[in-house]
Amino acid sequence: MDPKDLAKIWGATDNTRLTPKQISIRLPVHVSAKISAISEMFPKKTKTEIIGDLLAAALEQFAYGLSSEPNEYEIAEGVDPDGTYGVRAKYEWLVQKFLTEFENEEAGPVEE
């Protein structure tokens, strides 16, 4: 997602699922002021939605910038059993790991 597209997205309805647990963070004052400004410009969006969309755009760009090339340690030690080396592959694997974990939390305990 390109950050330039966020204004268009914020004009549409949202079906985003939220994590079952709340995360509390403190923001720098200048960042908080910018989020408040965006919130006032797009009153149909909550600050949670705005922050989530901004983070999603930034994380997509972050992942795009990660190397998909194996590093010397990975090759020498054979640390990746799937044969998918590189920081990007590790990041994507960890994202899936935590996504599964969060989805399992959302579903609740499994009854036997």
N, C-alpha and C. Protein backbone atom coordinates (compact mmCIF):
# COMPACT_ATOMS: atom_id res chain seq x y z
N MET A 1 0.85 -1.17 0.00
CA MET A 1 0.00 0.00 0.00
C MET A 1 0.90 1.23 0.00
N ASP A 2 0.61 2.12 -0.88
CA ASP A 2 1.37 3.36 -0.96
C ASP A 2 0.74 4.37 -0.01
N PRO A 3 1.54 5.04 0.81
CA PRO A 3 0.97 6.03 1.74
C PRO A 3 0.10 7.08 1.04
N LYS A 4 0.38 7.34 -0.24
CA LYS A 4 -0.43 8.32 -0.98
C LYS A 4 -1.87 7.85 -1.15
N ASP A 5 -2.09 6.55 -1.06
CA ASP A 5 -3.43 6.00 -1.24
C ASP A 5 -4.27 6.04 0.03
N LEU A 6 -3.67 6.39 1.16
CA LEU A 6 -4.40 6.35 2.42
C LEU A 6 -5.61 7.28 2.43
N ALA A 7 -5.49 8.45 1.86
CA ALA A 7 -6.62 9.39 1.86
C ALA A 7 -7.82 8.77 1.13
N LYS A 8 -7.58 8.05 0.05
CA LYS A 8 -8.67 7.37 -0.66
C LYS A 8 -9.26 6.26 0.18
N ILE A 9 -8.40 5.50 0.84
CA ILE A 9 -8.85 4.38 1.67
C ILE A 9 -9.69 4.89 2.83
N TRP A 10 -9.28 5.99 3.42
CA TRP A 10 -10.00 6.51 4.57
C TRP A 10 -11.38 7.04 4.21
N GLY A 11 -11.63 7.26 2.96
CA GLY A 11 -12.96 7.69 2.52
C GLY A 11 -13.92 6.52 2.36
N ALA A 12 -13.40 5.29 2.37
CA ALA A 12 -14.21 4.09 2.17
C ALA A 12 -14.57 3.44 3.51
N THR A 13 -15.52 2.49 3.46
CA THR A 13 -15.87 1.76 4.68
C THR A 13 -14.75 0.79 5.02
N ASP A 14 -14.67 0.41 6.28
CA ASP A 14 -13.57 -0.42 6.76
C ASP A 14 -14.10 -1.70 7.40
N ASN A 15 -13.48 -2.83 7.03
CA ASN A 15 -13.86 -4.12 7.60
C ASN A 15 -12.69 -4.76 8.33
N THR A 16 -11.77 -3.97 8.83
CA THR A 16 -10.56 -4.48 9.47
C THR A 16 -10.88 -5.13 10.80
N ARG A 17 -10.26 -6.30 11.02
CA ARG A 17 -10.38 -6.95 12.32
C ARG A 17 -9.28 -6.41 13.22
N LEU A 18 -9.61 -6.23 14.48
CA LEU A 18 -8.63 -5.76 15.45
C LEU A 18 -8.16 -6.92 16.30
N THR A 19 -6.94 -6.78 16.85
CA THR A 19 -6.42 -7.82 17.73
C THR A 19 -7.28 -7.88 18.99
N PRO A 20 -7.35 -9.06 19.61
CA PRO A 20 -8.18 -9.17 20.82
C PRO A 20 -7.60 -8.41 22.01
N LYS A 21 -6.28 -8.21 22.00
CA LYS A 21 -5.63 -7.49 23.09
C LYS A 21 -5.27 -6.08 22.64
N GLN A 22 -5.46 -5.14 23.53
CA GLN A 22 -5.10 -3.76 23.26
C GLN A 22 -3.62 -3.54 23.50
N ILE A 23 -3.00 -2.72 22.65
CA ILE A 23 -1.60 -2.35 22.81
C ILE A 23 -1.56 -0.86 23.13
N SER A 24 -0.87 -0.50 24.18
CA SER A 24 -0.76 0.90 24.57
C SER A 24 0.63 1.42 24.26
N ILE A 25 0.69 2.55 23.55
CA ILE A 25 1.99 3.16 23.24
C ILE A 25 1.92 4.66 23.50
N ARG A 26 3.08 5.24 23.76
CA ARG A 26 3.18 6.69 23.89
C ARG A 26 3.87 7.20 22.64
N LEU A 27 3.32 8.25 22.06
CA LEU A 27 3.85 8.80 20.82
C LEU A 27 4.56 10.12 21.08
N PRO A 28 5.54 10.44 20.24
CA PRO A 28 6.12 11.78 20.31
C PRO A 28 5.04 12.83 20.05
N VAL A 29 5.16 13.97 20.66
CA VAL A 29 4.15 15.02 20.56
C VAL A 29 3.88 15.40 19.11
N HIS A 30 4.94 15.54 18.30
CA HIS A 30 4.72 15.96 16.91
C HIS A 30 3.99 14.89 16.10
N VAL A 31 4.19 13.62 16.42
CA VAL A 31 3.48 12.54 15.74
C VAL A 31 2.02 12.55 16.16
N SER A 32 1.76 12.74 17.44
CA SER A 32 0.40 12.80 17.95
C SER A 32 -0.37 13.96 17.32
N ALA A 33 0.30 15.09 17.15
CA ALA A 33 -0.34 16.26 16.52
C ALA A 33 -0.72 15.95 15.08
N LYS A 34 0.15 15.24 14.37
CA LYS A 34 -0.14 14.88 12.98
C LYS A 34 -1.31 13.91 12.90
N ILE A 35 -1.36 12.95 13.81
CA ILE A 35 -2.48 12.01 13.82
C ILE A 35 -3.78 12.72 14.16
N SER A 36 -3.73 13.65 15.09
CA SER A 36 -4.92 14.43 15.42
C SER A 36 -5.39 15.25 14.24
N ALA A 37 -4.45 15.80 13.49
CA ALA A 37 -4.81 16.58 12.29
C ALA A 37 -5.49 15.69 11.26
N ILE A 38 -4.93 14.51 11.03
CA ILE A 38 -5.54 13.57 10.08
C ILE A 38 -6.92 13.16 10.57
N SER A 39 -7.06 12.93 11.86
CA SER A 39 -8.34 12.54 12.45
C SER A 39 -9.39 13.62 12.22
N GLU A 40 -9.00 14.85 12.32
CA GLU A 40 -9.96 15.94 12.09
C GLU A 40 -10.30 16.05 10.60
N MET A 41 -9.33 15.76 9.74
CA MET A 41 -9.58 15.82 8.30
C MET A 41 -10.49 14.68 7.82
N PHE A 42 -10.42 13.53 8.50
CA PHE A 42 -11.21 12.35 8.15
C PHE A 42 -12.00 11.90 9.37
N PRO A 43 -13.07 12.65 9.71
CA PRO A 43 -13.78 12.39 10.96
C PRO A 43 -14.49 11.03 11.03
N LYS A 44 -14.67 10.37 9.90
CA LYS A 44 -15.32 9.05 9.93
C LYS A 44 -14.34 7.95 10.37
N LYS A 45 -13.07 8.27 10.43
CA LYS A 45 -12.06 7.28 10.84
C LYS A 45 -11.63 7.56 12.26
N THR A 46 -11.48 6.48 13.04
CA THR A 46 -10.98 6.62 14.40
C THR A 46 -9.46 6.76 14.36
N LYS A 47 -8.91 7.23 15.46
CA LYS A 47 -7.45 7.30 15.53
C LYS A 47 -6.83 5.91 15.45
N THR A 48 -7.51 4.92 15.98
CA THR A 48 -7.01 3.54 15.87
C THR A 48 -6.91 3.12 14.41
N GLU A 49 -7.94 3.41 13.63
CA GLU A 49 -7.93 3.07 12.20
C GLU A 49 -6.82 3.82 11.46
N ILE A 50 -6.68 5.09 11.78
CA ILE A 50 -5.66 5.92 11.12
C ILE A 50 -4.27 5.40 11.44
N ILE A 51 -4.00 5.16 12.71
CA ILE A 51 -2.68 4.65 13.11
C ILE A 51 -2.44 3.27 12.48
N GLY A 52 -3.45 2.42 12.48
CA GLY A 52 -3.31 1.10 11.88
C GLY A 52 -2.99 1.18 10.39
N ASP A 53 -3.68 2.06 9.67
CA ASP A 53 -3.42 2.22 8.23
C ASP A 53 -2.03 2.79 7.97
N LEU A 54 -1.64 3.77 8.77
CA LEU A 54 -0.30 4.35 8.61
C LEU A 54 0.78 3.31 8.88
N LEU A 55 0.60 2.53 9.94
CA LEU A 55 1.56 1.48 10.25
C LEU A 55 1.59 0.42 9.16
N ALA A 56 0.43 0.04 8.63
CA ALA A 56 0.37 -0.97 7.57
C ALA A 56 1.14 -0.49 6.34
N ALA A 57 0.96 0.79 5.97
CA ALA A 57 1.68 1.33 4.82
C ALA A 57 3.18 1.36 5.07
N ALA A 58 3.58 1.78 6.27
CA ALA A 58 5.00 1.83 6.61
C ALA A 58 5.61 0.43 6.66
N LEU A 59 4.87 -0.54 7.20
CA LEU A 59 5.38 -1.90 7.30
C LEU A 59 5.51 -2.55 5.93
N GLU A 60 4.60 -2.22 5.03
CA GLU A 60 4.71 -2.74 3.66
C GLU A 60 5.97 -2.21 2.99
N GLN A 61 6.23 -0.93 3.17
CA GLN A 61 7.45 -0.35 2.60
C GLN A 61 8.69 -0.93 3.28
N PHE A 62 8.62 -1.16 4.57
CA PHE A 62 9.73 -1.76 5.31
C PHE A 62 10.04 -3.15 4.74
N ALA A 63 9.01 -3.98 4.58
CA ALA A 63 9.20 -5.34 4.07
C ALA A 63 9.77 -5.31 2.65
N TYR A 64 9.30 -4.37 1.86
CA TYR A 64 9.80 -4.25 0.48
C TYR A 64 11.30 -3.97 0.47
N GLY A 65 11.77 -3.24 1.45
CA GLY A 65 13.18 -2.87 1.51
C GLY A 65 14.09 -3.94 2.10
N LEU A 66 13.51 -5.01 2.66
CA LEU A 66 14.33 -6.06 3.24
C LEU A 66 14.98 -6.90 2.15
N SER A 67 16.16 -7.35 2.43
CA SER A 67 16.91 -8.17 1.47
C SER A 67 16.34 -9.58 1.41
N SER A 68 16.26 -10.11 0.20
CA SER A 68 15.85 -11.50 0.04
C SER A 68 17.06 -12.38 -0.26
N GLU A 69 18.23 -11.79 -0.16
CA GLU A 69 19.48 -12.53 -0.39
C GLU A 69 19.91 -13.23 0.89
N PRO A 70 20.40 -14.47 0.78
CA PRO A 70 20.89 -15.14 1.98
C PRO A 70 22.16 -14.48 2.50
N ASN A 71 22.32 -14.48 3.81
CA ASN A 71 23.57 -13.97 4.35
C ASN A 71 24.51 -15.15 4.60
N GLU A 72 25.76 -14.86 4.81
CA GLU A 72 26.78 -15.91 4.95
C GLU A 72 26.47 -16.86 6.11
N TYR A 73 25.95 -16.34 7.21
CA TYR A 73 25.64 -17.17 8.37
C TYR A 73 24.58 -18.21 8.02
N GLU A 74 23.51 -17.76 7.35
CA GLU A 74 22.43 -18.68 7.00
C GLU A 74 22.92 -19.83 6.12
N ILE A 75 23.76 -19.50 5.17
CA ILE A 75 24.27 -20.53 4.26
C ILE A 75 25.20 -21.48 5.00
N ALA A 76 26.13 -20.94 5.77
CA ALA A 76 27.12 -21.76 6.47
C ALA A 76 26.48 -22.65 7.53
N GLU A 77 25.52 -22.13 8.26
CA GLU A 77 24.92 -22.87 9.37
C GLU A 77 23.69 -23.67 8.96
N GLY A 78 23.17 -23.41 7.74
CA GLY A 78 21.96 -24.11 7.32
C GLY A 78 20.80 -23.87 8.26
N VAL A 79 20.64 -22.62 8.72
CA VAL A 79 19.63 -22.32 9.74
C VAL A 79 18.21 -22.31 9.20
N ASP A 80 18.05 -22.27 7.90
CA ASP A 80 16.71 -22.19 7.35
C ASP A 80 16.33 -23.52 6.72
N PRO A 81 15.54 -24.33 7.40
CA PRO A 81 15.22 -25.66 6.89
C PRO A 81 14.41 -25.65 5.59
N ASP A 82 13.68 -24.57 5.34
CA ASP A 82 12.88 -24.48 4.12
C ASP A 82 13.70 -24.07 2.91
N GLY A 83 14.91 -23.62 3.13
CA GLY A 83 15.73 -23.17 2.01
C GLY A 83 15.39 -21.77 1.53
N THR A 84 14.55 -21.06 2.27
CA THR A 84 14.22 -19.68 1.92
C THR A 84 15.04 -18.77 2.81
N TYR A 85 16.10 -18.26 2.28
CA TYR A 85 17.02 -17.46 3.07
C TYR A 85 16.74 -15.97 2.91
N GLY A 86 17.35 -15.21 3.77
CA GLY A 86 17.28 -13.76 3.69
C GLY A 86 16.39 -13.16 4.76
N VAL A 87 16.61 -11.90 5.02
CA VAL A 87 15.87 -11.20 6.06
C VAL A 87 14.39 -11.12 5.70
N ARG A 88 14.08 -10.90 4.43
CA ARG A 88 12.67 -10.80 4.03
C ARG A 88 11.94 -12.12 4.28
N ALA A 89 12.56 -13.24 3.96
CA ALA A 89 11.92 -14.54 4.18
C ALA A 89 11.69 -14.77 5.67
N LYS A 90 12.68 -14.42 6.49
CA LYS A 90 12.53 -14.58 7.93
C LYS A 90 11.40 -13.70 8.46
N TYR A 91 11.35 -12.46 7.99
CA TYR A 91 10.30 -11.53 8.40
C TYR A 91 8.92 -12.09 8.02
N GLU A 92 8.78 -12.56 6.78
CA GLU A 92 7.49 -13.09 6.33
C GLU A 92 7.10 -14.33 7.13
N TRP A 93 8.08 -15.19 7.46
CA TRP A 93 7.80 -16.38 8.26
C TRP A 93 7.32 -15.97 9.65
N LEU A 94 8.01 -14.99 10.26
CA LEU A 94 7.62 -14.53 11.59
C LEU A 94 6.25 -13.86 11.58
N VAL A 95 5.93 -13.11 10.53
CA VAL A 95 4.61 -12.49 10.41
C VAL A 95 3.54 -13.59 10.42
N GLN A 96 3.74 -14.64 9.64
CA GLN A 96 2.77 -15.74 9.60
C GLN A 96 2.65 -16.42 10.95
N LYS A 97 3.78 -16.59 11.63
CA LYS A 97 3.78 -17.21 12.96
C LYS A 97 2.90 -16.41 13.92
N PHE A 98 3.12 -15.09 13.96
CA PHE A 98 2.36 -14.26 14.89
C PHE A 98 0.91 -14.09 14.44
N LEU A 99 0.67 -14.05 13.16
CA LEU A 99 -0.70 -13.97 12.65
C LEU A 99 -1.50 -15.18 13.12
N THR A 100 -0.91 -16.36 12.99
CA THR A 100 -1.56 -17.59 13.46
C THR A 100 -1.80 -17.52 14.97
N GLU A 101 -0.81 -17.04 15.70
CA GLU A 101 -0.94 -16.92 17.15
C GLU A 101 -2.08 -15.98 17.53
N PHE A 102 -2.15 -14.83 16.88
CA PHE A 102 -3.20 -13.85 17.19
C PHE A 102 -4.58 -14.38 16.79
N GLU A 103 -4.65 -15.08 15.66
CA GLU A 103 -5.93 -15.64 15.24
C GLU A 103 -6.39 -16.71 16.21
N ASN A 104 -5.46 -17.49 16.75
CA ASN A 104 -5.82 -18.51 17.75
C ASN A 104 -6.31 -17.87 19.04
N GLU A 105 -5.72 -16.74 19.43
CA GLU A 105 -6.18 -16.01 20.62
C GLU A 105 -7.60 -15.51 20.40
N GLU A 106 -7.85 -15.01 19.20
CA GLU A 106 -9.15 -14.46 18.87
C GLU A 106 -10.23 -15.54 18.90
N ALA A 107 -9.87 -16.76 18.48
CA ALA A 107 -10.83 -17.86 18.44
C ALA A 107 -11.16 -18.38 19.83
N GLY A 108 -10.28 -18.15 20.77
CA GLY A 108 -10.51 -18.63 22.14
C GLY A 108 -9.96 -20.03 22.32
N PRO A 109 -10.11 -20.57 23.53
CA PRO A 109 -9.57 -21.90 23.81
C PRO A 109 -10.30 -22.99 23.03
N VAL A 110 -9.55 -24.01 22.67
CA VAL A 110 -10.12 -25.13 21.94
C VAL A 110 -10.62 -26.15 22.96
N GLU A 111 -11.89 -26.55 22.81
CA GLU A 111 -12.47 -27.52 23.74
C GLU A 111 -12.23 -28.92 23.20
N GLU A 112 -11.97 -29.85 24.11
CA GLU A 112 -11.71 -31.24 23.72
C GLU A 112 -12.90 -32.10 23.98
